Protein backbone atom coordinates (compact mmCIF):
# COMPACT_ATOMS: atom_id res chain seq x y z
CA MET A 1 -15.59 -2.87 21.07
CA ASP A 2 -13.65 -3.19 24.19
CA PRO A 3 -9.86 -2.91 22.88
CA LYS A 4 -8.84 -4.76 26.16
CA LEU A 5 -10.65 -7.72 25.18
CA LEU A 6 -9.74 -7.75 21.52
CA ALA A 7 -6.17 -7.57 22.45
CA GLN A 8 -6.55 -11.20 24.00
CA ARG A 9 -7.11 -12.45 20.57
CA PHE A 10 -3.75 -11.63 19.66
CA PRO A 11 -0.53 -13.08 20.01
CA GLY A 12 1.89 -11.49 22.72
CA ASP A 13 4.11 -10.73 19.78
CA PHE A 14 1.45 -9.51 17.56
CA VAL A 15 3.03 -6.11 15.96
CA PHE A 16 0.20 -3.78 15.83
CA GLY A 17 1.42 0.08 13.52
CA VAL A 18 0.54 2.90 11.55
CA ALA A 19 1.20 3.74 7.89
CA THR A 20 2.14 6.56 5.40
CA ALA A 21 3.62 7.07 2.30
CA SER A 22 6.23 9.69 1.53
CA PHE A 23 3.83 11.97 -1.57
CA GLN A 24 1.04 11.84 0.72
CA ILE A 25 2.49 13.30 3.77
CA GLU A 26 5.94 14.90 3.06
CA GLY A 27 5.48 18.15 1.08
CA ALA A 28 8.82 19.96 0.81
CA SER A 29 8.41 18.88 -3.01
CA LYS A 30 10.99 20.98 -4.53
CA GLU A 31 13.69 21.32 -1.37
CA ASP A 32 16.79 19.83 -0.94
CA GLY A 33 17.18 18.51 -4.41
CA ARG A 34 14.01 16.85 -5.17
CA LYS A 35 12.86 16.69 -8.24
CA PRO A 36 9.15 16.39 -9.46
CA SER A 37 7.33 12.97 -10.00
CA ILE A 38 4.75 11.67 -11.99
CA TRP A 39 2.18 12.69 -9.30
CA ASP A 40 3.35 16.39 -9.03
CA ALA A 41 3.04 16.77 -13.22
CA PHE A 42 -0.40 14.88 -12.65
CA SER A 43 -1.68 17.16 -9.59
CA ASN A 44 -1.04 20.35 -11.49
CA MET A 45 -2.98 19.16 -14.88
CA PRO A 46 -6.51 20.38 -14.84
CA GLY A 47 -9.66 17.78 -14.05
CA ARG A 48 -6.86 14.89 -12.73
CA VAL A 49 -7.08 15.74 -8.51
CA TYR A 50 -10.01 17.44 -6.82
CA GLU A 51 -9.91 21.15 -7.28
CA ARG A 52 -6.10 20.68 -8.25
CA HIS A 53 -4.54 19.89 -4.62
CA ASN A 54 -1.06 18.67 -4.90
CA GLY A 55 1.48 17.53 -2.64
CA ASP A 56 3.78 20.82 -2.40
CA VAL A 57 2.73 20.96 1.28
CA ALA A 58 0.90 18.19 2.06
CA CYS A 59 1.26 17.32 5.88
CA ASP A 60 4.59 19.23 5.85
CA HIS A 61 6.25 16.21 7.45
CA TYR A 62 9.49 16.72 5.83
CA HIS A 63 9.99 19.76 8.25
CA ARG A 64 7.88 18.07 11.17
CA TRP A 65 8.82 14.86 10.88
CA GLU A 66 10.61 14.59 14.74
CA GLU A 67 6.97 16.09 16.14
CA ASP A 68 5.59 13.14 14.10
CA LEU A 69 7.72 10.39 15.71
CA ASP A 70 6.62 11.36 18.92
CA LEU A 71 2.91 11.48 17.97
CA ILE A 72 3.54 7.50 16.87
CA LYS A 73 5.61 7.26 20.25
CA ASP A 74 2.91 8.86 22.20
CA MET A 75 0.21 6.62 20.33
CA GLY A 76 2.08 3.51 21.35
CA VAL A 77 2.24 1.48 18.61
CA GLN A 78 5.74 -0.72 17.74
CA ALA A 79 5.82 -0.19 14.30
CA TYR A 80 5.60 2.82 11.60
CA ARG A 81 5.37 1.64 7.57
CA PHE A 82 6.76 4.60 5.93
CA SER A 83 7.83 5.00 2.10
CA ILE A 84 11.03 6.03 0.50
CA ALA A 85 10.35 9.10 -2.14
CA TRP A 86 12.68 7.81 -5.14
CA PRO A 87 13.01 11.44 -6.55
CA ARG A 88 14.39 12.76 -3.57
CA ILE A 89 17.13 9.96 -3.73
CA ILE A 90 17.71 9.88 -7.38
CA PRO A 91 15.90 12.83 -8.73
CA GLU A 92 16.38 11.79 -12.55
CA GLY A 93 15.22 8.46 -11.95
CA THR A 94 18.82 7.57 -13.27
CA GLY A 95 22.16 9.71 -12.97
CA PRO A 96 23.55 11.71 -9.57
CA ILE A 97 22.46 10.50 -6.16
CA ASN A 98 20.90 13.38 -3.85
CA GLU A 99 22.62 12.89 -0.77
CA LYS A 100 20.33 14.97 1.41
CA GLY A 101 17.41 13.03 0.37
CA LEU A 102 19.28 9.72 1.79
CA ASP A 103 20.15 12.17 4.85
CA PHE A 104 16.31 12.90 5.77
CA TYR A 105 15.57 8.87 5.63
CA ASP A 106 18.85 8.77 7.74
CA LYS A 107 17.56 10.99 10.21
CA LEU A 108 13.89 9.30 9.97
CA VAL A 109 15.13 5.66 10.92
CA ASP A 110 17.61 6.81 13.53
CA GLY A 111 14.53 8.74 14.91
CA LEU A 112 12.76 5.35 14.98
CA GLN A 113 15.74 3.63 16.55
CA ALA A 114 15.66 6.06 19.16
CA ARG A 115 12.33 5.70 20.10
CA GLY A 116 11.85 2.17 19.91
CA ILE A 117 9.76 1.99 17.05
CA LYS A 118 10.07 -0.88 14.30
CA ALA A 119 11.12 0.62 10.99
CA PHE A 120 9.10 -0.85 7.86
CA ALA A 121 9.78 0.86 4.62
CA THR A 122 7.94 0.73 1.05
CA LEU A 123 10.69 1.30 -1.89
CA TYR A 124 7.95 2.36 -4.01
CA HIS A 125 4.57 4.17 -2.96
CA TRP A 126 3.69 5.65 -6.74
CA ASP A 127 6.01 8.50 -6.83
CA LEU A 128 7.98 7.82 -9.94
CA PRO A 129 10.49 10.35 -11.13
CA LEU A 130 8.86 12.22 -13.67
CA ALA A 131 12.64 12.66 -15.92
CA LEU A 132 11.60 8.48 -16.50
CA MET A 133 8.39 9.52 -18.65
CA GLY A 134 10.80 10.49 -20.98
CA ASP A 135 11.66 6.55 -21.49
CA GLY A 136 8.20 5.24 -21.33
CA GLY A 137 8.11 5.01 -17.19
CA TRP A 138 6.83 1.97 -15.94
CA THR A 139 6.23 0.40 -19.75
CA ALA A 140 9.91 0.81 -20.46
CA ARG A 141 12.05 -2.15 -19.42
CA SER A 142 14.97 0.09 -18.62
CA THR A 143 12.69 1.32 -15.32
CA ALA A 144 13.00 -1.80 -13.81
CA HIS A 145 16.71 -1.48 -14.12
CA ALA A 146 16.63 2.05 -12.87
CA PHE A 147 14.39 0.60 -10.08
CA GLN A 148 17.13 -1.63 -9.12
CA ARG A 149 19.91 0.80 -8.39
CA TYR A 150 17.21 2.77 -6.63
CA THR A 151 16.80 -0.13 -4.24
CA GLN A 152 20.80 -0.62 -4.08
CA THR A 153 21.45 2.98 -2.85
CA VAL A 154 18.84 2.92 -0.28
CA ILE A 155 19.54 -0.32 0.93
CA LYS A 156 23.01 0.33 1.31
CA ARG A 157 22.51 3.62 3.13
CA LEU A 158 19.57 2.27 5.79
CA GLY A 159 19.11 -1.40 5.14
CA ASP A 160 21.31 -2.00 8.48
CA ARG A 161 18.40 -0.29 10.67
CA LEU A 162 15.01 -1.36 8.86
CA ASP A 163 12.96 -4.15 10.70
CA ALA A 164 11.66 -5.03 7.15
CA VAL A 165 11.34 -3.98 3.60
CA ALA A 166 8.61 -3.72 0.60
CA THR A 167 9.39 -3.37 -3.14
CA PHE A 168 6.45 -2.10 -4.31
CA ASN A 169 3.30 -0.90 -2.55
CA GLU A 170 -0.13 -1.65 -4.37
CA PRO A 171 1.37 -2.62 -7.93
CA TRP A 172 -2.58 -2.76 -9.07
CA CYS A 173 -2.81 0.89 -8.54
CA SER A 174 0.47 1.75 -10.00
CA VAL A 175 0.01 -0.42 -13.11
CA ILE A 176 -4.04 -0.93 -13.72
CA LEU A 177 -5.58 2.06 -11.90
CA SER A 178 -2.78 4.68 -13.23
CA HIS A 179 -2.47 2.86 -17.19
CA LEU A 180 -5.79 1.41 -18.09
CA LEU A 181 -8.30 3.06 -15.76
CA GLY A 182 -6.67 6.71 -16.40
CA ILE A 183 -7.65 7.26 -12.37
CA HIS A 184 -3.78 7.70 -10.92
CA ALA A 185 -0.84 9.18 -12.57
CA PRO A 186 0.25 8.80 -15.33
CA GLY A 187 -3.14 8.76 -16.37
CA GLU A 188 -3.39 6.54 -19.21
CA ARG A 189 -6.29 4.40 -20.87
CA ASN A 190 -4.61 1.65 -22.96
CA MET A 191 -4.46 -2.23 -21.98
CA GLN A 192 -1.09 -2.81 -23.97
CA ALA A 193 0.87 0.14 -21.46
CA THR A 194 -0.91 -1.47 -18.70
CA LEU A 195 0.44 -5.29 -19.84
CA HIS A 196 4.00 -3.62 -20.22
CA ALA A 197 3.79 -1.95 -16.91
CA ALA A 198 2.76 -4.55 -15.54
CA HIS A 199 5.48 -7.22 -16.78
CA TYR A 200 8.15 -4.22 -16.15
CA THR A 201 6.80 -3.73 -12.00
CA ASN A 202 7.06 -7.18 -11.65
CA LEU A 203 10.46 -7.51 -13.09
CA ALA A 204 11.44 -4.51 -11.13
CA HIS A 205 10.18 -6.28 -7.74
CA GLY A 206 12.50 -9.18 -9.01
CA LEU A 207 15.61 -7.06 -9.51
CA GLY A 208 14.60 -5.13 -6.53
CA VAL A 209 14.67 -8.28 -3.88
CA GLU A 210 18.19 -9.18 -5.58
CA ALA A 211 19.45 -5.84 -5.04
CA VAL A 212 18.12 -6.09 -0.92
CA ARG A 213 19.57 -9.38 -1.03
CA ALA A 214 23.02 -8.50 -2.05
CA GLU A 215 23.35 -5.35 0.05
CA ALA A 216 21.36 -6.70 3.80
CA PRO A 217 20.98 -10.50 3.19
CA LYS A 218 19.13 -10.81 6.67
CA LEU A 219 16.77 -8.06 5.80
CA PRO A 220 13.15 -9.29 5.80
CA VAL A 221 11.78 -7.91 1.72
CA GLY A 222 8.55 -8.47 0.67
CA ILE A 223 5.83 -6.83 -1.67
CA VAL A 224 2.52 -4.81 -0.51
CA TYR A 225 -0.68 -5.85 -2.50
CA ASN A 226 -3.88 -4.74 -2.56
CA ALA A 227 -5.64 -7.66 -3.90
CA MET A 228 -8.89 -7.41 -4.94
CA SER A 229 -11.77 -9.61 -2.75
CA VAL A 230 -13.67 -10.59 -5.89
CA VAL A 231 -17.07 -11.73 -5.07
CA PRO A 232 -19.61 -12.87 -7.72
CA ALA A 233 -22.40 -10.25 -7.81
CA SER A 234 -24.78 -13.37 -8.34
CA GLU A 235 -24.46 -17.10 -8.90
CA SER A 236 -25.43 -16.93 -12.52
CA ALA A 237 -22.87 -18.59 -14.82
CA ALA A 238 -22.09 -14.87 -16.59
CA ASP A 239 -20.98 -13.52 -13.04
CA ILE A 240 -19.18 -16.75 -12.10
CA ALA A 241 -17.07 -16.33 -15.13
CA ALA A 242 -16.67 -12.58 -14.91
CA ALA A 243 -15.39 -12.95 -11.51
CA LYS A 244 -12.60 -15.31 -12.51
CA ARG A 245 -11.68 -13.26 -15.45
CA ALA A 246 -11.07 -10.29 -12.63
CA GLU A 247 -9.32 -12.88 -10.34
CA ASP A 248 -6.87 -13.69 -13.26
CA PHE A 249 -6.52 -10.05 -14.40
CA HIS A 250 -6.42 -7.72 -11.39
CA ASN A 251 -4.58 -10.47 -8.78
CA GLY A 252 -3.23 -13.17 -11.33
CA ILE A 253 -0.96 -11.03 -13.23
CA PHE A 254 0.71 -9.56 -9.82
CA PHE A 255 1.05 -12.75 -7.46
CA GLY A 256 1.18 -15.37 -10.53
CA PRO A 257 4.42 -14.64 -11.98
CA VAL A 258 5.84 -13.95 -8.37
CA PHE A 259 4.57 -16.70 -6.59
CA LYS A 260 4.12 -19.55 -9.39
CA GLY A 261 6.94 -18.30 -11.99
CA GLU A 262 3.96 -17.50 -14.34
CA TYR A 263 0.97 -15.24 -15.98
CA PRO A 264 -2.72 -16.65 -15.64
CA ALA A 265 -3.46 -18.99 -18.58
CA GLY A 266 -6.95 -17.07 -19.08
CA VAL A 267 -5.08 -13.31 -19.00
CA ILE A 268 -2.55 -14.50 -21.77
CA GLU A 269 -5.24 -16.30 -23.68
CA ALA A 270 -6.91 -13.16 -23.74
CA LEU A 271 -4.23 -10.52 -24.51
CA GLU A 272 -1.12 -12.16 -25.49
CA PRO A 273 -0.81 -10.13 -28.85
CA LEU A 274 -0.22 -7.04 -26.53
CA MET A 275 1.95 -8.83 -24.06
CA PRO A 276 5.70 -7.20 -24.06
CA LYS A 277 8.20 -9.60 -24.56
CA ILE A 278 9.12 -11.59 -21.63
CA GLU A 279 12.89 -12.41 -21.96
CA ASP A 280 14.75 -15.31 -20.66
CA GLY A 281 15.40 -15.46 -16.86
CA ASP A 282 12.60 -12.97 -16.64
CA MET A 283 10.36 -15.14 -14.73
CA LYS A 284 12.72 -16.88 -12.57
CA THR A 285 13.89 -13.37 -11.36
CA ILE A 286 10.54 -12.13 -10.66
CA SER A 287 9.72 -15.26 -8.80
CA GLN A 288 12.37 -15.40 -5.77
CA LYS A 289 11.35 -16.47 -2.79
CA ILE A 290 10.36 -13.38 -0.34
CA ASP A 291 9.99 -13.47 3.22
CA TRP A 292 6.75 -11.90 3.70
CA TRP A 293 3.78 -10.22 1.76
CA GLY A 294 1.49 -7.50 2.89
CA LEU A 295 -2.55 -6.85 2.36
CA ASN A 296 -4.26 -3.77 1.73
CA TYR A 297 -7.89 -3.96 2.56
CA TYR A 298 -10.58 -1.59 2.47
CA THR A 299 -13.69 -3.57 0.71
CA PRO A 300 -15.01 -5.85 -1.54
CA ALA A 301 -14.99 -6.14 -5.14
CA ARG A 302 -18.69 -7.49 -6.37
CA ILE A 303 -18.00 -8.45 -10.22
CA GLU A 304 -20.68 -8.30 -12.52
CA ASP A 305 -20.56 -9.84 -15.96
CA ASP A 306 -20.35 -6.91 -18.67
CA PRO A 307 -20.28 -8.34 -22.12
CA GLU A 308 -20.11 -4.90 -23.60
CA THR A 309 -16.97 -3.80 -22.42
CA PRO A 310 -13.27 -5.39 -23.34
CA TYR A 311 -11.42 -7.91 -21.08
CA PRO A 312 -11.75 -8.37 -18.27
CA SER A 313 -15.77 -7.72 -19.24
CA HIS A 314 -16.72 -6.76 -15.98
CA LYS A 315 -18.06 -4.04 -13.74
CA GLN A 316 -19.09 -3.32 -10.25
CA GLY A 317 -22.04 -5.07 -8.83
CA ALA A 318 -24.44 -3.79 -6.35
CA PHE A 319 -23.54 -3.41 -2.72
CA VAL A 320 -24.70 -5.67 -0.24
CA LYS A 321 -24.18 -3.77 2.51
CA PRO A 322 -25.64 -0.39 3.51
CA GLU A 323 -22.81 0.69 5.02
CA LYS A 324 -20.40 2.99 3.03
CA THR A 325 -17.73 4.83 4.24
CA ASP A 326 -17.26 8.65 3.49
CA ILE A 327 -15.31 7.85 0.12
CA GLY A 328 -18.54 5.66 -0.79
CA TRP A 329 -16.58 1.95 -0.49
CA GLU A 330 -18.94 -0.57 0.52
CA ILE A 331 -18.35 -1.83 4.25
CA ASP A 332 -18.30 -5.74 4.65
CA SER A 333 -15.16 -7.67 6.68
CA SER A 334 -16.35 -10.83 5.25
CA GLY A 335 -14.19 -9.84 2.12
CA PHE A 336 -11.22 -9.70 4.55
CA ILE A 337 -11.25 -13.42 5.41
CA GLY A 338 -12.35 -14.25 2.51
CA VAL A 339 -9.52 -12.61 0.11
CA VAL A 340 -6.99 -14.30 2.60
CA ARG A 341 -8.40 -17.69 2.12
CA THR A 342 -8.76 -17.58 -1.33
CA LEU A 343 -4.90 -16.04 -1.71
CA TYR A 344 -3.71 -19.21 0.64
CA SER A 345 -5.53 -21.55 -1.79
CA THR A 346 -4.33 -20.50 -4.73
CA TYR A 347 -0.43 -19.80 -4.08
CA ASP A 348 2.42 -20.89 -2.09
CA LEU A 349 2.46 -17.74 0.46
CA PRO A 350 4.79 -16.87 3.13
CA GLU A 351 3.92 -14.93 6.47
CA PHE A 352 2.11 -11.46 5.94
CA TYR A 353 0.92 -8.70 7.27
CA ILE A 354 -2.22 -6.47 7.10
CA THR A 355 -0.18 -3.77 6.07
CA GLU A 356 -3.09 -1.11 5.46
CA ASN A 357 -6.87 -1.00 6.67
CA GLY A 358 -8.84 1.81 7.85
CA ALA A 359 -11.77 4.05 6.91
CA CYS A 360 -12.61 7.36 5.06
CA TYR A 361 -14.80 9.49 7.61
CA ASN A 362 -14.34 13.41 7.19
CA THR A 363 -15.42 14.19 10.57
CA ASP A 364 -14.25 17.31 11.88
CA ILE A 365 -13.12 18.83 15.06
CA GLY A 366 -16.12 19.38 17.43
CA PRO A 367 -16.30 22.56 19.53
CA ASP A 368 -15.00 20.22 22.48
CA GLY A 369 -11.60 20.00 20.62
CA GLU A 370 -12.15 16.44 20.04
CA VAL A 371 -12.96 14.47 16.86
CA ASP A 372 -15.53 12.30 17.31
CA ASP A 373 -14.94 9.32 14.72
CA GLN A 374 -16.86 6.59 16.20
CA GLU A 375 -17.86 5.21 12.79
CA ARG A 376 -14.04 4.25 12.06
CA VAL A 377 -13.32 3.05 15.66
CA ASP A 378 -16.27 0.84 14.86
CA TYR A 379 -14.69 -0.22 11.31
CA TYR A 380 -11.57 -1.07 12.92
CA GLY A 381 -13.27 -2.86 15.69
CA ASP A 382 -15.06 -4.75 13.24
CA HIS A 383 -12.03 -5.56 10.68
CA LEU A 384 -9.32 -6.40 13.37
CA SER A 385 -11.76 -8.77 14.91
CA VAL A 386 -11.81 -10.44 11.69
CA ALA A 387 -7.97 -10.56 11.66
CA ALA A 388 -8.05 -12.18 14.83
CA ASP A 389 -10.34 -14.92 13.23
CA MET A 390 -7.65 -15.37 10.38
CA ILE A 391 -4.87 -16.07 13.13
CA LYS A 392 -7.91 -18.52 14.73
CA GLU A 393 -8.15 -20.07 11.70
CA GLY A 394 -3.99 -20.96 11.34
CA PHE A 395 -3.12 -18.01 8.64
CA PRO A 396 0.42 -16.61 9.44
CA LEU A 397 -0.62 -13.01 10.23
CA ARG A 398 2.42 -11.04 11.87
CA GLY A 399 1.09 -7.75 12.42
CA TYR A 400 -1.45 -4.91 11.58
CA PHE A 401 -0.46 -1.33 10.05
CA ALA A 402 -3.82 1.42 10.61
CA TRP A 403 -4.13 3.70 7.44
CA SER A 404 -3.26 6.03 8.24
CA LEU A 405 -1.45 7.58 10.92
CA MET A 406 -3.05 10.74 10.07
CA ASP A 407 -4.92 12.97 7.48
CA ASN A 408 -3.21 13.37 4.06
CA PHE A 409 -3.32 13.89 0.51
CA GLU A 410 -5.68 11.58 -0.97
CA TRP A 411 -4.36 10.94 -4.42
CA ALA A 412 -7.16 11.84 -6.76
CA GLU A 413 -9.26 12.74 -4.13
CA GLY A 414 -6.79 15.29 -2.63
CA TYR A 415 -7.47 16.75 0.63
CA ARG A 416 -11.01 16.20 0.62
CA MET A 417 -11.14 12.67 2.02
CA ARG A 418 -9.56 12.19 5.72
CA PHE A 419 -8.28 8.47 6.50
CA GLY A 420 -5.98 9.35 9.63
CA LEU A 421 -6.27 8.34 13.24
CA VAL A 422 -4.74 12.15 13.79
CA HIS A 423 -6.86 14.81 12.34
CA VAL A 424 -4.63 17.22 10.19
CA ASP A 425 -5.72 21.15 10.25
CA TYR A 426 -4.19 22.01 6.44
CA GLU A 427 -3.79 25.81 7.44
CA THR A 428 -1.96 25.81 10.67
CA GLN A 429 -0.49 21.61 10.27
CA LYS A 430 -1.91 21.31 14.01
CA ARG A 431 -2.46 17.47 14.99
CA THR A 432 -5.03 16.36 17.05
CA ILE A 433 -5.34 12.63 18.21
CA LYS A 434 -8.99 11.39 17.03
CA LYS A 435 -11.38 9.17 19.33
CA SER A 436 -9.98 6.19 17.06
CA GLY A 437 -6.70 7.38 17.75
CA ARG A 438 -7.05 6.68 21.48
CA TRP A 439 -8.90 3.68 20.77
CA TYR A 440 -5.90 1.91 18.71
CA THR A 441 -3.51 3.12 21.35
CA SER A 442 -5.58 1.18 23.77
CA LEU A 443 -5.18 -1.80 22.02
CA ALA A 444 -1.69 -1.13 20.58
CA GLU A 445 -0.43 -0.79 24.16
CA GLU A 446 -1.21 -4.31 25.30
CA PHE A 447 1.92 -5.30 23.07
CA PRO A 448 3.99 -6.67 23.08
CA LYS A 449 3.47 -8.85 26.32
CA GLY A 450 6.54 -11.67 26.15
CA ASN A 451 6.21 -14.51 23.43
CA HIS A 452 3.10 -16.24 24.37
CA SER A 453 0.86 -17.06 21.17
CA VAL A 454 -2.85 -17.30 20.57
CA ALA A 455 -2.98 -21.21 19.41
CA ALA A 456 -4.62 -21.91 16.36
CA GLU A 457 -8.00 -23.75 17.76
């Protein structure tokens, strides 16, 4: 797809950016006062992460941040979405503040400003200080209050130079994937733990919003969700009912409290005895109006009824499209706009950004020194075309962040799965812009173009 023709379908002030996360790229896990996160511990346990890969070095961004910001600048994108590592700022989760950790992000944000790149910060992208597990981690109410203090500390220092801040990245992953399915740290498989983690994460978001507004009232604050794009596997009544349960459980326990001030009735009906105590004022704190939200989308969720399993009693249905990425995810961009339509028809949502979208292809450097990842180019072209359709349909989409700037630590998959626009040789740390990175540059360099806008047709 011609990036210049695609560019004509977006408003002139649309933001094109790239995204990363602290644990996935920084490395330097034991330097300058940083203490372990739950992911450091999880990575070092046998059988949790592919070949026990860990974040000790990652992309060495902690030492190469200037080179990486130059790379972002050279790629012509206007914005960088990054996350801040709580274990660098307050290494024990509570207690003393580590000035060297704040200094690193100070330099990073100043470096973005100097290069004319917008700074979109995420406060929590899964690297909970390990010390907080002693109190129960996200299953403990005290962690929500620890997060509020951490947020206040960060925003007091950086808030005057950030363009936007998100409290959390993908709470579905840090709650359900981590406490029910056991795939991510801390690796729990328990519904009661999951529901406690969900409520205290939601509460932490609300307390975080309060902290941001107290320290930097003009800073746009939001939250990032990988909302499940729920599609019934068939038109049977059983699969349709399973899809409703999936919508309630996977999306509703996060969107409901934040945008409606309530948990879905279906979840409460099924699971009330396992829910934590919701104290007076909790829902009011959680449901404070926010300025924006982020959607991370990769693949649809085809839902099939599975009465043999406990609530929400569903399983993954068969793929409909034959194309898959190298991580095994079905490629279907219709789910991309489908989930946006569902969410806007269900909740009163503010403007939004696509905060992650991208594809895993493990294409290596060819004999000519180039990375010919045409499949990734095709994936981006297809999904960005659908993003342009969202704007045409009237949805308030303000920007798009490609996942990811560079290949990195892909959580339980270790370093074997590559999502980057830039190839990283983990032995030498050499960065090589891929074909997809050059294509994305051709698109991003068309912006901004004044304040003209594409009217909804």
